[in-house]
C-alpha cells in the first residue's frame, strides 16, 4: 500500500487534500503540527508528504530537510499559501522539496506530480547533497 502524510494547520484544507490523495489510492495520515509530522515519519514509511510549512517553530533547521532525512525516498510537496509567494520562491528553495504547488490543490495537479508512470513527467524524490549538512560526525 502507498502511504501519504498531509501536514496542514487548516482542518478543511487538510481533509480536502487527504480526500484527493485517497482518490489516487493512498492511505493518508493527517497531522496539524510539524512535530507530529516528524513523529509520524519515524513510525511509517511514506511515499508522499504534502506540507504547508517549510520551517518548524524554534528550530533553525529546514523542516523539509528533516522530513527528507527521515523518509529519504518520499516525494515532498510544498504548498504555497498564495500566488505572490508561489511566484517568488522556486521549487528548489527548500532542501528536500520535490515540487511547489499553490492553493487550491486540485486532483489533476496532484496526479501529475506524484503519479510517475501515468505521464512520465512526475516529480521524482529530490536528493540532498551531503555538503549542506551542518552536523558533522567526529571519528
C-alpha atoms as a PDB file:
ATOM      1  CA  UNK A   1       0.000   0.000   0.000  1.00  0.00           C
ATOM      2  CA  UNK A   2       1.099   3.533  -0.720  1.00  0.00           C
ATOM      3  CA  UNK A   3       1.072   5.944   2.228  1.00  0.00           C
ATOM      4  CA  UNK A   4       0.853   9.734   2.272  1.00  0.00           C
ATOM      5  CA  UNK A   5       1.304  12.303   5.034  1.00  0.00           C
ATOM      6  CA  UNK A   6      -0.592  15.601   4.963  1.00  0.00           C
ATOM      7  CA  UNK A   7       0.532  18.446   7.236  1.00  0.00           C
ATOM      8  CA  UNK A   8      -1.796  21.435   7.269  1.00  0.00           C
ATOM      9  CA  UNK A   9      -2.990  23.753  10.027  1.00  0.00           C
ATOM     10  CA  UNK A  10      -6.387  24.295   8.383  1.00  0.00           C
ATOM     11  CA  UNK A  11      -8.678  21.323   9.082  1.00  0.00           C
ATOM     12  CA  UNK A  12     -10.799  21.789   5.945  1.00  0.00           C
ATOM     13  CA  UNK A  13      -7.793  22.069   3.653  1.00  0.00           C
ATOM     14  CA  UNK A  14      -6.155  19.075   5.307  1.00  0.00           C
ATOM     15  CA  UNK A  15      -9.208  16.866   4.847  1.00  0.00           C
ATOM     16  CA  UNK A  16      -9.629  18.070   1.227  1.00  0.00           C
ATOM     17  CA  UNK A  17      -6.013  17.172   0.384  1.00  0.00           C
ATOM     18  CA  UNK A  18      -6.384  13.838   2.172  1.00  0.00           C
ATOM     19  CA  UNK A  19      -9.507  13.041   0.154  1.00  0.00           C
ATOM     20  CA  UNK A  20      -7.698  13.813  -3.112  1.00  0.00           C
ATOM     21  CA  UNK A  21      -4.827  11.524  -2.142  1.00  0.00           C
ATOM     22  CA  UNK A  22      -7.263   8.768  -1.167  1.00  0.00           C
ATOM     23  CA  UNK A  23      -8.804   9.007  -4.642  1.00  0.00           C
ATOM     24  CA  UNK A  24      -5.312   8.409  -6.018  1.00  0.00           C
ATOM     25  CA  UNK A  25      -5.000   5.225  -3.944  1.00  0.00           C
ATOM     26  CA  UNK A  26      -3.022   6.406  -0.925  1.00  0.00           C
ATOM     27  CA  UNK A  27      -3.579   5.653   2.737  1.00  0.00           C
ATOM     28  CA  UNK A  28      -3.436   9.112   4.315  1.00  0.00           C
ATOM     29  CA  UNK A  29      -2.264  10.261   7.736  1.00  0.00           C
ATOM     30  CA  UNK A  30      -3.353  13.801   8.654  1.00  0.00           C
ATOM     31  CA  UNK A  31      -1.338  15.881  11.136  1.00  0.00           C
ATOM     32  CA  UNK A  32      -1.524  19.533  12.126  1.00  0.00           C
ATOM     33  CA  UNK A  33       1.897  20.300  13.659  1.00  0.00           C
ATOM     34  CA  UNK A  34       5.473  19.826  12.396  1.00  0.00           C
ATOM     35  CA  UNK A  35       6.371  17.808  15.494  1.00  0.00           C
ATOM     36  CA  UNK A  36       3.549  15.361  14.847  1.00  0.00           C
ATOM     37  CA  UNK A  37       4.686  15.045  11.239  1.00  0.00           C
ATOM     38  CA  UNK A  38       8.233  14.142  12.279  1.00  0.00           C
ATOM     39  CA  UNK A  39       6.904  11.617  14.794  1.00  0.00           C
ATOM     40  CA  UNK A  40       4.735  10.019  12.097  1.00  0.00           C
ATOM     41  CA  UNK A  41       7.697   9.705   9.716  1.00  0.00           C
ATOM     42  CA  UNK A  42       9.596   7.773  12.352  1.00  0.00           C
ATOM     43  CA  UNK A  43       6.920   5.083  12.529  1.00  0.00           C
ATOM     44  CA  UNK A  44       5.502   4.859   8.985  1.00  0.00           C
ATOM     45  CA  UNK A  45       7.293   4.761   5.614  1.00  0.00           C
ATOM     46  CA  UNK A  46       5.585   7.405   3.473  1.00  0.00           C
ATOM     47  CA  UNK A  47       5.729   7.677  -0.307  1.00  0.00           C
ATOM     48  CA  UNK A  48       4.369  11.242  -0.496  1.00  0.00           C
ATOM     49  CA  UNK A  49       4.421  14.098   2.026  1.00  0.00           C
ATOM     50  CA  UNK A  50       2.319  17.225   1.465  1.00  0.00           C
ATOM     51  CA  UNK A  51       3.261  20.083   3.791  1.00  0.00           C
ATOM     52  CA  UNK A  52       2.083  23.668   4.172  1.00  0.00           C
ATOM     53  CA  UNK A  53       5.183  24.825   6.052  1.00  0.00           C
ATOM     54  CA  UNK A  54       8.914  24.642   5.469  1.00  0.00           C
ATOM     55  CA  UNK A  55      10.017  25.515   8.979  1.00  0.00           C
ATOM     56  CA  UNK A  56       9.443  24.308  12.499  1.00  0.00           C
ATOM     57  CA  UNK A  57       8.922  26.909  15.235  1.00  0.00           C
ATOM     58  CA  UNK A  58      12.002  27.487  17.416  1.00  0.00           C
ATOM     59  CA  UNK A  59      14.256  25.466  15.114  1.00  0.00           C
ATOM     60  CA  UNK A  60      16.875  26.764  12.694  1.00  0.00           C
ATOM     61  CA  UNK A  61      16.975  23.635  10.559  1.00  0.00           C
ATOM     62  CA  UNK A  62      14.917  23.238   7.414  1.00  0.00           C
ATOM     63  CA  UNK A  63      11.758  21.295   8.249  1.00  0.00           C
ATOM     64  CA  UNK A  64      11.518  19.832   4.752  1.00  0.00           C
ATOM     65  CA  UNK A  65      15.158  18.780   5.055  1.00  0.00           C
ATOM     66  CA  UNK A  66      14.374  16.995   8.313  1.00  0.00           C
ATOM     67  CA  UNK A  67      11.438  15.237   6.661  1.00  0.00           C
ATOM     68  CA  UNK A  68      13.713  14.190   3.797  1.00  0.00           C
ATOM     69  CA  UNK A  69      16.258  12.780   6.234  1.00  0.00           C
ATOM     70  CA  UNK A  70      13.513  10.808   7.991  1.00  0.00           C
ATOM     71  CA  UNK A  71      11.989   9.424   4.782  1.00  0.00           C
ATOM     72  CA  UNK A  72      14.622   9.716   2.016  1.00  0.00           C
ATOM     73  CA  UNK A  73      12.537   8.019  -0.700  1.00  0.00           C
ATOM     74  CA  UNK A  74       9.433  10.185  -0.244  1.00  0.00           C
ATOM     75  CA  UNK A  75       8.412  12.942  -2.623  1.00  0.00           C
ATOM     76  CA  UNK A  76       7.833  16.107  -0.564  1.00  0.00           C
ATOM     77  CA  UNK A  77       5.318  18.601  -1.943  1.00  0.00           C
ATOM     78  CA  UNK A  78       5.328  22.142  -0.561  1.00  0.00           C
ATOM     79  CA  UNK A  79       2.000  24.009  -0.681  1.00  0.00           C
ATOM     80  CA  UNK A  80       2.215  27.778  -1.191  1.00  0.00           C
ATOM     81  CA  UNK A  81      -0.249  29.955   0.674  1.00  0.00           C
ATOM     82  CA  UNK A  82      -0.861  32.495  -2.107  1.00  0.00           C
ATOM     83  CA  UNK A  83       0.170  33.371  -5.675  1.00  0.00           C
ATOM     84  CA  UNK A  84       2.655  36.077  -4.650  1.00  0.00           C
ATOM     85  CA  UNK A  85       4.694  33.685  -2.508  1.00  0.00           C
ATOM     86  CA  UNK A  86       4.480  30.997  -5.176  1.00  0.00           C
ATOM     87  CA  UNK A  87       5.964  33.301  -7.822  1.00  0.00           C
ATOM     88  CA  UNK A  88       8.849  34.438  -5.623  1.00  0.00           C
ATOM     89  CA  UNK A  89      10.009  31.064  -4.334  1.00  0.00           C
ATOM     90  CA  UNK A  90      11.494  28.492  -6.743  1.00  0.00           C
ATOM     91  CA  UNK A  91      10.820  24.804  -6.086  1.00  0.00           C
ATOM     92  CA  UNK A  92      14.470  24.131  -5.172  1.00  0.00           C
ATOM     93  CA  UNK A  93      14.455  26.819  -2.499  1.00  0.00           C
ATOM     94  CA  UNK A  94      13.966  24.388   0.385  1.00  0.00           C
ATOM     95  CA  UNK A  95      16.031  21.275   0.877  1.00  0.00           C
ATOM     96  CA  UNK A  96      14.219  18.074   0.051  1.00  0.00           C
ATOM     97  CA  UNK A  97      11.259  19.658  -1.723  1.00  0.00           C
ATOM     98  CA  UNK A  98      10.232  17.817  -4.894  1.00  0.00           C
ATOM     99  CA  UNK A  99       7.506  20.219  -6.024  1.00  0.00           C
ATOM    100  CA  UNK A 100       5.909  23.528  -5.105  1.00  0.00           C
ATOM    101  CA  UNK A 101       2.176  23.938  -5.713  1.00  0.00           C
ATOM    102  CA  UNK A 102      -0.334  26.619  -4.833  1.00  0.00           C
ATOM    103  CA  UNK A 103      -3.766  26.586  -3.267  1.00  0.00           C
ATOM    104  CA  UNK A 104      -6.399  25.434  -4.017  1.00  0.00           C
ATOM    105  CA  UNK A 105      -4.989  21.979  -4.617  1.00  0.00           C
ATOM    106  CA  UNK A 106      -6.609  20.112  -7.485  1.00  0.00           C
ATOM    107  CA  UNK A 107      -6.686  16.419  -8.285  1.00  0.00           C
ATOM    108  CA  UNK A 108      -5.073  16.988 -11.674  1.00  0.00           C
ATOM    109  CA  UNK A 109      -2.084  18.822 -10.161  1.00  0.00           C
ATOM    110  CA  UNK A 110      -1.508  16.106  -7.552  1.00  0.00           C
ATOM    111  CA  UNK A 111      -1.852  13.355 -10.143  1.00  0.00           C
ATOM    112  CA  UNK A 112       0.714  14.993 -12.418  1.00  0.00           C
ATOM    113  CA  UNK A 113       3.194  15.398  -9.591  1.00  0.00           C
ATOM    114  CA  UNK A 114       3.018  12.071  -7.777  1.00  0.00           C
ATOM    115  CA  UNK A 115       1.890   9.517 -10.340  1.00  0.00           C
ATOM    116  CA  UNK A 116       5.225   8.957 -12.069  1.00  0.00           C
ATOM    117  CA  UNK A 117       4.112   6.315 -14.569  1.00  0.00           C
ATOM    118  CA  UNK A 118       0.971   7.986 -15.934  1.00  0.00           C
ATOM    119  CA  UNK A 119       2.500  10.979 -17.719  1.00  0.00           C
ATOM    120  CA  UNK A 120       6.178  10.166 -17.447  1.00  0.00           C
ATOM    121  CA  UNK A 121       6.831  13.673 -16.116  1.00  0.00           C
ATOM    122  CA  UNK A 122       6.248  13.059 -12.407  1.00  0.00           C
ATOM    123  CA  UNK A 123       8.273  14.732  -9.717  1.00  0.00           C
ATOM    124  CA  UNK A 124      10.985  12.377  -8.553  1.00  0.00           C
ATOM    125  CA  UNK A 125      12.138  12.399  -4.938  1.00  0.00           C
ATOM    126  CA  UNK A 126      14.795  15.079  -4.606  1.00  0.00           C
ATOM    127  CA  UNK A 127      18.322  14.449  -3.439  1.00  0.00           C
ATOM    128  CA  UNK A 128      20.047  16.346  -0.633  1.00  0.00           C
ATOM    129  CA  UNK A 129      23.768  16.661  -1.215  1.00  0.00           C
ATOM    130  CA  UNK A 130      25.899  15.887   1.844  1.00  0.00           C
ATOM    131  CA  UNK A 131      27.760  19.240   1.801  1.00  0.00           C
ATOM    132  CA  UNK A 132      24.859  21.409   3.137  1.00  0.00           C
ATOM    133  CA  UNK A 133      24.617  19.132   6.171  1.00  0.00           C
ATOM    134  CA  UNK A 134      25.855  21.187   9.110  1.00  0.00           C
ATOM    135  CA  UNK A 135      26.059  18.360  11.621  1.00  0.00           C
ATOM    136  CA  UNK A 136      29.365  16.544  11.293  1.00  0.00           C
ATOM    137  CA  UNK A 137      30.262  13.148  12.640  1.00  0.00           C
ATOM    138  CA  UNK A 138      33.523  13.054  14.530  1.00  0.00           C
ATOM    139  CA  UNK A 139      35.765   9.992  14.312  1.00  0.00           C
END
